[in-house]
Amino acid sequence: MTKTLKYLMHELKGKTLLVSVGDEKFNVDLNDFDSYSHEGMTFIKVTASGKTRYINQAKIKYFEIA
């Protein structure tokens, strides 16, 4: 997990982030945050349309606090 992401986790505890990857938008619940690293990439848990999956953090192009 990057230092920026760790900072966000601490500062925004209890909030939800709305993130965009291409044309898709996802929610990141910071109360239930989960991530893992694989081959030098960090994947974070996101939710969209009631489905949960993991996306590559590096592919996030935009986020806002919801």
C-alpha atoms as a PDB file:
ATOM      1  CA  MET A   1       0.000   0.000   0.000  1.00  0.00           C
ATOM      2  CA  THR A   2       1.380   3.402  -0.913  1.00  0.00           C
ATOM      3  CA  LYS A   3       1.975   6.207   1.588  1.00  0.00           C
ATOM      4  CA  THR A   4      -0.760   8.252  -0.102  1.00  0.00           C
ATOM      5  CA  LEU A   5      -3.285   5.472   0.344  1.00  0.00           C
ATOM      6  CA  LYS A   6      -2.261   4.969   3.981  1.00  0.00           C
ATOM      7  CA  TYR A   7      -2.740   8.707   4.572  1.00  0.00           C
ATOM      8  CA  LEU A   8      -6.196   8.611   2.994  1.00  0.00           C
ATOM      9  CA  MET A   9      -7.146   5.611   5.094  1.00  0.00           C
ATOM     10  CA  HIS A  10      -6.234   7.433   8.295  1.00  0.00           C
ATOM     11  CA  GLU A  11      -7.692  10.836   7.393  1.00  0.00           C
ATOM     12  CA  LEU A  12     -10.916   9.600   5.831  1.00  0.00           C
ATOM     13  CA  LYS A  13     -11.842   6.789   8.222  1.00  0.00           C
ATOM     14  CA  GLY A  14     -15.603   6.330   8.198  1.00  0.00           C
ATOM     15  CA  LYS A  15     -16.110   7.820   4.737  1.00  0.00           C
ATOM     16  CA  THR A  16     -16.602   6.367   1.265  1.00  0.00           C
ATOM     17  CA  LEU A  17     -14.478   7.144  -1.771  1.00  0.00           C
ATOM     18  CA  LEU A  18     -15.986   7.211  -5.229  1.00  0.00           C
ATOM     19  CA  VAL A  19     -13.291   6.118  -7.699  1.00  0.00           C
ATOM     20  CA  SER A  20     -13.240   5.969 -11.507  1.00  0.00           C
ATOM     21  CA  VAL A  21     -11.391   3.459 -13.637  1.00  0.00           C
ATOM     22  CA  GLY A  22     -12.071   4.273 -17.266  1.00  0.00           C
ATOM     23  CA  ASP A  23     -15.838   4.599 -17.630  1.00  0.00           C
ATOM     24  CA  GLU A  24     -16.566   2.490 -14.545  1.00  0.00           C
ATOM     25  CA  LYS A  25     -17.259   3.997 -11.127  1.00  0.00           C
ATOM     26  CA  PHE A  26     -16.795   2.163  -7.832  1.00  0.00           C
ATOM     27  CA  ASN A  27     -17.279   2.789  -4.129  1.00  0.00           C
ATOM     28  CA  VAL A  28     -14.463   2.165  -1.669  1.00  0.00           C
ATOM     29  CA  ASP A  29     -15.835   1.807   1.873  1.00  0.00           C
ATOM     30  CA  LEU A  30     -13.036   2.964   4.150  1.00  0.00           C
ATOM     31  CA  ASN A  31     -14.670   1.244   7.154  1.00  0.00           C
ATOM     32  CA  ASP A  32     -14.277  -2.100   5.392  1.00  0.00           C
ATOM     33  CA  PHE A  33     -11.081  -1.401   3.430  1.00  0.00           C
ATOM     34  CA  ASP A  34      -9.080  -4.329   2.125  1.00  0.00           C
ATOM     35  CA  SER A  35      -6.111  -4.561  -0.223  1.00  0.00           C
ATOM     36  CA  TYR A  36      -3.411  -6.959  -1.287  1.00  0.00           C
ATOM     37  CA  SER A  37      -0.213  -6.801  -3.301  1.00  0.00           C
ATOM     38  CA  HIS A  38       0.746  -9.116  -6.152  1.00  0.00           C
ATOM     39  CA  GLU A  39       3.838  -8.830  -8.350  1.00  0.00           C
ATOM     40  CA  GLY A  40       4.459  -5.228  -7.268  1.00  0.00           C
ATOM     41  CA  MET A  41       0.875  -4.062  -7.849  1.00  0.00           C
ATOM     42  CA  THR A  42      -1.642  -3.083  -5.166  1.00  0.00           C
ATOM     43  CA  PHE A  43      -5.259  -4.124  -5.568  1.00  0.00           C
ATOM     44  CA  ILE A  44      -8.042  -2.551  -3.494  1.00  0.00           C
ATOM     45  CA  LYS A  45     -11.522  -3.818  -2.677  1.00  0.00           C
ATOM     46  CA  VAL A  46     -14.303  -1.901  -4.446  1.00  0.00           C
ATOM     47  CA  THR A  47     -18.065  -2.254  -4.762  1.00  0.00           C
ATOM     48  CA  ALA A  48     -20.336  -1.446  -7.706  1.00  0.00           C
ATOM     49  CA  SER A  49     -23.943  -2.524  -8.314  1.00  0.00           C
ATOM     50  CA  GLY A  50     -23.823  -4.637  -5.165  1.00  0.00           C
ATOM     51  CA  LYS A  51     -20.831  -6.660  -6.384  1.00  0.00           C
ATOM     52  CA  THR A  52     -17.436  -6.599  -4.714  1.00  0.00           C
ATOM     53  CA  ARG A  53     -14.145  -7.075  -6.524  1.00  0.00           C
ATOM     54  CA  TYR A  54     -10.515  -5.936  -6.422  1.00  0.00           C
ATOM     55  CA  ILE A  55      -9.046  -3.405  -8.866  1.00  0.00           C
ATOM     56  CA  ASN A  56      -5.476  -2.329  -9.542  1.00  0.00           C
ATOM     57  CA  GLN A  57      -4.879   0.893  -7.600  1.00  0.00           C
ATOM     58  CA  ALA A  58      -2.678   2.250 -10.413  1.00  0.00           C
ATOM     59  CA  LYS A  59      -5.640   2.246 -12.809  1.00  0.00           C
ATOM     60  CA  ILE A  60      -7.646   4.710 -10.706  1.00  0.00           C
ATOM     61  CA  LYS A  61      -7.819   7.931 -12.693  1.00  0.00           C
ATOM     62  CA  TYR A  62     -10.102   9.996 -10.448  1.00  0.00           C
ATOM     63  CA  PHE A  63     -11.587   9.853  -6.981  1.00  0.00           C
ATOM     64  CA  GLU A  64     -13.825  11.986  -4.789  1.00  0.00           C
ATOM     65  CA  ILE A  65     -15.048  11.794  -1.217  1.00  0.00           C
ATOM     66  CA  ALA A  66     -18.664  10.674  -1.137  1.00  0.00           C
END
